[in-house]
Amino acid sequence: MRAPARKRESPCSTPQDDPKQTKLLTTDHTIKKGGPSLEELEDLAGCIAEAWKTLGRRLKFDESQLTGFHKENEEYSEKAYKMLLAWKQINASAATYRVLHDALCHNLVRRRDLAEKFCCH
């Protein structure tokens, strides 16, 4: 009998997917200075998937804006990317790793794993 295939490590895995990551979440991390690059936002968009709207609300988008991102883009990753791109453009230098980190860690988003991956050293 073959051993079950080992799950490919994904840049988007959650602590529930990988028990080793749970340990990472309890360590002390320093939030990066400045704001995320477009490439980082695109990478994050691929990881946030269906939770993009919940994150968008934490980033101060209203429902009509979220509906616009939803209707204009088919894939969840693209909806999330366009929303994150608009957040960066609207907020300019105020679109910081700190703001993104806090939004990802919010009790309704619960993606501390992604906050640490994208926003911390």
N, C-alpha and C. Protein backbone atom coordinates (compact mmCIF):
# COMPACT_ATOMS: atom_id res chain seq x y z
N MET A 1 0.85 -1.19 0.00
CA MET A 1 0.00 0.00 0.00
C MET A 1 0.89 1.24 0.00
N ARG A 2 0.58 2.17 -0.86
CA ARG A 2 1.36 3.40 -0.97
C ARG A 2 1.03 4.34 0.17
N ALA A 3 2.05 5.04 0.63
CA ALA A 3 1.83 6.07 1.65
C ALA A 3 1.06 7.21 1.01
N PRO A 4 0.20 7.88 1.77
CA PRO A 4 -0.53 9.00 1.19
C PRO A 4 0.44 10.07 0.72
N ALA A 5 0.09 10.69 -0.39
CA ALA A 5 0.94 11.74 -0.94
C ALA A 5 1.04 12.87 0.06
N ARG A 6 2.25 13.36 0.24
CA ARG A 6 2.45 14.47 1.16
C ARG A 6 1.91 15.73 0.51
N LYS A 7 1.18 16.49 1.27
CA LYS A 7 0.60 17.72 0.76
C LYS A 7 1.70 18.70 0.40
N ARG A 8 1.64 19.24 -0.81
CA ARG A 8 2.62 20.20 -1.28
C ARG A 8 2.55 21.43 -0.38
N GLU A 9 3.71 21.91 0.04
CA GLU A 9 3.72 23.09 0.90
C GLU A 9 3.31 24.30 0.07
N SER A 10 2.33 24.99 0.52
CA SER A 10 1.78 26.13 -0.19
C SER A 10 2.14 27.42 0.53
N PRO A 11 2.40 28.49 -0.22
CA PRO A 11 2.65 29.76 0.45
C PRO A 11 1.39 30.28 1.13
N CYS A 12 0.26 29.63 0.88
CA CYS A 12 -1.01 30.06 1.44
C CYS A 12 -1.52 29.13 2.52
N SER A 13 -0.73 28.16 2.94
CA SER A 13 -1.23 27.20 3.92
C SER A 13 -1.56 27.90 5.23
N THR A 14 -2.52 27.35 5.91
CA THR A 14 -2.95 27.90 7.19
C THR A 14 -2.37 27.06 8.31
N PRO A 15 -2.39 27.54 9.55
CA PRO A 15 -1.86 26.75 10.65
C PRO A 15 -2.57 25.40 10.77
N GLN A 16 -3.84 25.34 10.39
CA GLN A 16 -4.56 24.09 10.45
C GLN A 16 -4.01 23.11 9.42
N ASP A 17 -3.50 23.62 8.29
CA ASP A 17 -2.95 22.77 7.25
C ASP A 17 -1.59 22.22 7.64
N ASP A 18 -0.84 22.96 8.41
CA ASP A 18 0.53 22.59 8.73
C ASP A 18 0.80 22.83 10.20
N PRO A 19 0.90 21.76 10.99
CA PRO A 19 1.12 21.93 12.43
C PRO A 19 2.40 22.67 12.75
N LYS A 20 3.41 22.59 11.86
CA LYS A 20 4.66 23.32 12.11
C LYS A 20 4.42 24.82 12.10
N GLN A 21 3.44 25.28 11.34
CA GLN A 21 3.17 26.71 11.25
C GLN A 21 2.57 27.26 12.53
N THR A 22 1.88 26.43 13.29
CA THR A 22 1.28 26.89 14.54
C THR A 22 2.36 27.45 15.45
N LYS A 23 3.50 26.79 15.48
CA LYS A 23 4.60 27.26 16.30
C LYS A 23 5.07 28.64 15.83
N LEU A 24 5.10 28.84 14.52
CA LEU A 24 5.53 30.13 13.98
C LEU A 24 4.63 31.27 14.45
N LEU A 25 3.36 30.97 14.64
CA LEU A 25 2.41 32.01 15.00
C LEU A 25 2.60 32.51 16.42
N THR A 26 3.27 31.73 17.25
CA THR A 26 3.42 32.13 18.64
C THR A 26 4.71 32.90 18.88
N THR A 27 5.56 33.00 17.86
CA THR A 27 6.81 33.72 18.04
C THR A 27 6.58 35.21 17.90
N ASP A 28 7.55 35.97 18.39
CA ASP A 28 7.45 37.42 18.34
C ASP A 28 7.99 37.91 17.01
N HIS A 29 7.19 38.63 16.24
CA HIS A 29 7.59 39.15 14.94
C HIS A 29 7.56 40.67 14.96
N THR A 30 8.41 41.25 14.15
CA THR A 30 8.44 42.70 13.99
C THR A 30 7.79 43.04 12.66
N ILE A 31 6.85 43.97 12.69
CA ILE A 31 6.16 44.38 11.47
C ILE A 31 7.10 45.24 10.64
N LYS A 32 7.12 44.98 9.34
CA LYS A 32 7.98 45.72 8.41
C LYS A 32 7.56 47.18 8.36
N LYS A 33 8.50 48.02 8.03
CA LYS A 33 8.23 49.45 7.81
C LYS A 33 7.75 49.64 6.38
N GLY A 34 7.00 50.70 6.14
CA GLY A 34 6.55 51.02 4.79
C GLY A 34 5.32 50.23 4.40
N GLY A 35 5.15 50.05 3.09
CA GLY A 35 3.98 49.37 2.58
C GLY A 35 4.34 48.24 1.65
N PRO A 36 3.41 47.33 1.44
CA PRO A 36 3.67 46.18 0.59
C PRO A 36 3.79 46.55 -0.88
N SER A 37 4.59 45.77 -1.60
CA SER A 37 4.75 45.97 -3.04
C SER A 37 3.54 45.38 -3.77
N LEU A 38 3.42 45.71 -5.04
CA LEU A 38 2.33 45.16 -5.85
C LEU A 38 2.47 43.65 -5.95
N GLU A 39 3.68 43.16 -6.05
CA GLU A 39 3.91 41.71 -6.13
C GLU A 39 3.47 41.02 -4.83
N GLU A 40 3.78 41.63 -3.69
CA GLU A 40 3.34 41.06 -2.42
C GLU A 40 1.82 41.05 -2.32
N LEU A 41 1.18 42.12 -2.79
CA LEU A 41 -0.28 42.17 -2.76
C LEU A 41 -0.89 41.11 -3.68
N GLU A 42 -0.27 40.88 -4.82
CA GLU A 42 -0.76 39.85 -5.73
C GLU A 42 -0.60 38.46 -5.10
N ASP A 43 0.52 38.24 -4.45
CA ASP A 43 0.76 36.97 -3.77
C ASP A 43 -0.26 36.78 -2.64
N LEU A 44 -0.47 37.82 -1.85
CA LEU A 44 -1.46 37.76 -0.77
C LEU A 44 -2.86 37.50 -1.32
N ALA A 45 -3.19 38.14 -2.43
CA ALA A 45 -4.51 37.96 -3.03
C ALA A 45 -4.77 36.50 -3.37
N GLY A 46 -3.73 35.80 -3.83
CA GLY A 46 -3.87 34.39 -4.14
C GLY A 46 -4.10 33.54 -2.90
N CYS A 47 -3.67 34.03 -1.76
CA CYS A 47 -3.81 33.30 -0.50
C CYS A 47 -5.09 33.62 0.25
N ILE A 48 -5.59 34.82 0.10
CA ILE A 48 -6.74 35.24 0.92
C ILE A 48 -8.05 34.66 0.38
N ALA A 49 -8.09 34.35 -0.91
CA ALA A 49 -9.22 33.69 -1.56
C ALA A 49 -10.58 34.26 -1.17
N GLU A 50 -11.47 33.39 -0.68
CA GLU A 50 -12.85 33.79 -0.44
C GLU A 50 -13.03 34.74 0.73
N ALA A 51 -11.99 34.96 1.52
CA ALA A 51 -12.10 35.89 2.66
C ALA A 51 -11.77 37.32 2.24
N TRP A 52 -11.67 37.57 0.95
CA TRP A 52 -11.26 38.89 0.48
C TRP A 52 -12.24 39.98 0.90
N LYS A 53 -13.53 39.68 0.91
CA LYS A 53 -14.52 40.70 1.29
C LYS A 53 -14.39 41.06 2.77
N THR A 54 -14.20 40.08 3.60
CA THR A 54 -14.04 40.33 5.03
C THR A 54 -12.81 41.20 5.27
N LEU A 55 -11.72 40.90 4.57
CA LEU A 55 -10.52 41.72 4.66
C LEU A 55 -10.81 43.12 4.14
N GLY A 56 -11.52 43.21 3.03
CA GLY A 56 -11.85 44.52 2.44
C GLY A 56 -12.62 45.42 3.39
N ARG A 57 -13.51 44.84 4.15
CA ARG A 57 -14.26 45.64 5.14
C ARG A 57 -13.32 46.18 6.21
N ARG A 58 -12.35 45.39 6.62
CA ARG A 58 -11.37 45.85 7.62
C ARG A 58 -10.47 46.94 7.05
N LEU A 59 -10.32 46.96 5.72
CA LEU A 59 -9.51 47.99 5.05
C LEU A 59 -10.35 49.19 4.65
N LYS A 60 -11.58 49.26 5.18
CA LYS A 60 -12.48 50.42 5.05
C LYS A 60 -13.16 50.57 3.70
N PHE A 61 -13.34 49.47 2.96
CA PHE A 61 -14.13 49.54 1.74
C PHE A 61 -15.59 49.37 2.11
N ASP A 62 -16.46 50.12 1.44
CA ASP A 62 -17.89 49.95 1.70
C ASP A 62 -18.45 48.86 0.78
N GLU A 63 -19.69 48.48 1.03
CA GLU A 63 -20.30 47.36 0.30
C GLU A 63 -20.40 47.62 -1.20
N SER A 64 -20.66 48.85 -1.59
CA SER A 64 -20.77 49.13 -3.03
C SER A 64 -19.41 48.95 -3.72
N GLN A 65 -18.34 49.33 -3.05
CA GLN A 65 -17.00 49.13 -3.62
C GLN A 65 -16.69 47.63 -3.73
N LEU A 66 -17.02 46.89 -2.70
CA LEU A 66 -16.78 45.45 -2.71
C LEU A 66 -17.60 44.76 -3.80
N THR A 67 -18.83 45.21 -3.98
CA THR A 67 -19.67 44.66 -5.04
C THR A 67 -19.06 44.94 -6.41
N GLY A 68 -18.49 46.11 -6.58
CA GLY A 68 -17.82 46.46 -7.83
C GLY A 68 -16.65 45.52 -8.12
N PHE A 69 -15.80 45.27 -7.12
CA PHE A 69 -14.68 44.35 -7.32
C PHE A 69 -15.20 42.96 -7.67
N HIS A 70 -16.29 42.57 -7.02
CA HIS A 70 -16.87 41.25 -7.25
C HIS A 70 -17.39 41.11 -8.68
N LYS A 71 -18.13 42.10 -9.15
CA LYS A 71 -18.75 42.03 -10.48
C LYS A 71 -17.74 42.18 -11.61
N GLU A 72 -16.66 42.92 -11.36
CA GLU A 72 -15.69 43.20 -12.42
C GLU A 72 -14.64 42.10 -12.60
N ASN A 73 -14.58 41.14 -11.69
CA ASN A 73 -13.54 40.13 -11.74
C ASN A 73 -14.13 38.75 -11.46
N GLU A 74 -13.72 37.76 -12.24
CA GLU A 74 -14.28 36.42 -12.08
C GLU A 74 -13.62 35.62 -10.96
N GLU A 75 -12.29 35.61 -10.91
CA GLU A 75 -11.58 34.78 -9.95
C GLU A 75 -11.45 35.49 -8.60
N TYR A 76 -11.54 34.70 -7.53
CA TYR A 76 -11.40 35.28 -6.19
C TYR A 76 -10.06 35.98 -6.03
N SER A 77 -9.01 35.39 -6.55
CA SER A 77 -7.69 36.00 -6.40
C SER A 77 -7.64 37.36 -7.10
N GLU A 78 -8.34 37.48 -8.22
CA GLU A 78 -8.34 38.76 -8.94
C GLU A 78 -9.21 39.79 -8.21
N LYS A 79 -10.33 39.36 -7.64
CA LYS A 79 -11.16 40.26 -6.83
C LYS A 79 -10.32 40.82 -5.69
N ALA A 80 -9.60 39.92 -5.01
CA ALA A 80 -8.77 40.32 -3.87
C ALA A 80 -7.65 41.24 -4.32
N TYR A 81 -7.01 40.92 -5.43
CA TYR A 81 -5.90 41.75 -5.90
C TYR A 81 -6.37 43.15 -6.27
N LYS A 82 -7.47 43.25 -7.00
CA LYS A 82 -7.98 44.57 -7.39
C LYS A 82 -8.37 45.39 -6.16
N MET A 83 -8.92 44.73 -5.16
CA MET A 83 -9.29 45.40 -3.92
C MET A 83 -8.02 45.89 -3.20
N LEU A 84 -7.01 45.04 -3.10
CA LEU A 84 -5.76 45.43 -2.42
C LEU A 84 -5.04 46.53 -3.20
N LEU A 85 -5.08 46.44 -4.51
CA LEU A 85 -4.47 47.47 -5.35
C LEU A 85 -5.16 48.82 -5.13
N ALA A 86 -6.48 48.82 -5.09
CA ALA A 86 -7.24 50.05 -4.84
C ALA A 86 -6.91 50.59 -3.44
N TRP A 87 -6.80 49.70 -2.45
CA TRP A 87 -6.43 50.12 -1.09
C TRP A 87 -5.09 50.85 -1.11
N LYS A 88 -4.12 50.30 -1.82
CA LYS A 88 -2.79 50.91 -1.90
C LYS A 88 -2.84 52.25 -2.62
N GLN A 89 -3.61 52.33 -3.71
CA GLN A 89 -3.70 53.57 -4.48
C GLN A 89 -4.44 54.66 -3.71
N ILE A 90 -5.53 54.31 -3.07
CA ILE A 90 -6.35 55.28 -2.33
C ILE A 90 -5.60 55.83 -1.11
N ASN A 91 -4.91 54.93 -0.40
CA ASN A 91 -4.28 55.32 0.86
C ASN A 91 -2.82 55.74 0.73
N ALA A 92 -2.22 55.53 -0.42
CA ALA A 92 -0.83 55.91 -0.69
C ALA A 92 0.10 55.48 0.45
N SER A 93 0.79 56.42 1.05
CA SER A 93 1.77 56.08 2.10
C SER A 93 1.11 55.56 3.38
N ALA A 94 -0.20 55.72 3.52
CA ALA A 94 -0.90 55.20 4.69
C ALA A 94 -1.29 53.72 4.51
N ALA A 95 -1.04 53.15 3.32
CA ALA A 95 -1.29 51.73 3.07
C ALA A 95 -0.05 50.96 3.52
N THR A 96 0.04 50.77 4.81
CA THR A 96 1.25 50.22 5.41
C THR A 96 1.11 48.74 5.77
N TYR A 97 2.27 48.14 6.02
CA TYR A 97 2.27 46.76 6.51
C TYR A 97 1.50 46.67 7.82
N ARG A 98 1.59 47.69 8.66
CA ARG A 98 0.90 47.69 9.97
C ARG A 98 -0.62 47.61 9.77
N VAL A 99 -1.15 48.44 8.88
CA VAL A 99 -2.59 48.45 8.62
C VAL A 99 -3.03 47.09 8.06
N LEU A 100 -2.27 46.58 7.11
CA LEU A 100 -2.59 45.29 6.51
C LEU A 100 -2.49 44.17 7.55
N HIS A 101 -1.45 44.21 8.36
CA HIS A 101 -1.26 43.23 9.43
C HIS A 101 -2.47 43.22 10.37
N ASP A 102 -2.86 44.40 10.82
CA ASP A 102 -3.98 44.49 11.77
C ASP A 102 -5.29 44.01 11.14
N ALA A 103 -5.49 44.29 9.86
CA ALA A 103 -6.70 43.84 9.17
C ALA A 103 -6.70 42.31 9.05
N LEU A 104 -5.56 41.73 8.70
CA LEU A 104 -5.47 40.28 8.58
C LEU A 104 -5.64 39.57 9.92
N CYS A 105 -5.22 40.23 11.00
CA CYS A 105 -5.32 39.64 12.34
C CYS A 105 -6.68 39.88 12.99
N HIS A 106 -7.51 40.71 12.39
CA HIS A 106 -8.82 41.03 12.97
C HIS A 106 -9.59 39.75 13.26
N ASN A 107 -10.38 39.76 14.32
CA ASN A 107 -11.08 38.53 14.73
C ASN A 107 -12.08 38.02 13.69
N LEU A 108 -12.47 38.81 12.71
CA LEU A 108 -13.36 38.33 11.66
C LEU A 108 -12.59 37.75 10.46
N VAL A 109 -11.33 38.15 10.31
CA VAL A 109 -10.51 37.66 9.20
C VAL A 109 -9.69 36.45 9.67
N ARG A 110 -9.07 36.56 10.82
CA ARG A 110 -8.32 35.46 11.45
C ARG A 110 -7.26 34.84 10.57
N ARG A 111 -6.45 35.68 9.96
CA ARG A 111 -5.36 35.16 9.13
C ARG A 111 -4.02 35.70 9.62
N ARG A 112 -3.75 35.46 10.89
CA ARG A 112 -2.47 35.87 11.49
C ARG A 112 -1.31 35.21 10.74
N ASP A 113 -1.53 33.99 10.23
CA ASP A 113 -0.48 33.32 9.46
C ASP A 113 -0.07 34.18 8.26
N LEU A 114 -1.04 34.73 7.54
CA LEU A 114 -0.73 35.57 6.39
C LEU A 114 -0.17 36.91 6.82
N ALA A 115 -0.65 37.45 7.93
CA ALA A 115 -0.12 38.71 8.46
C ALA A 115 1.37 38.56 8.74
N GLU A 116 1.74 37.46 9.36
CA GLU A 116 3.15 37.25 9.69
C GLU A 116 3.97 36.97 8.44
N LYS A 117 3.41 36.22 7.50
CA LYS A 117 4.13 35.90 6.27
C LYS A 117 4.40 37.14 5.42
N PHE A 118 3.39 38.00 5.28
CA PHE A 118 3.53 39.14 4.36
C PHE A 118 3.96 40.43 5.04
N CYS A 119 3.70 40.60 6.31
CA CYS A 119 3.90 41.89 6.97
C CYS A 119 5.03 41.92 8.00
N CYS A 120 5.59 40.78 8.33
CA CYS A 120 6.59 40.73 9.39
C CYS A 120 7.94 40.26 8.88
N HIS A 121 8.96 40.60 9.67
CA HIS A 121 10.34 40.14 9.37
C HIS A 121 10.51 38.73 9.85
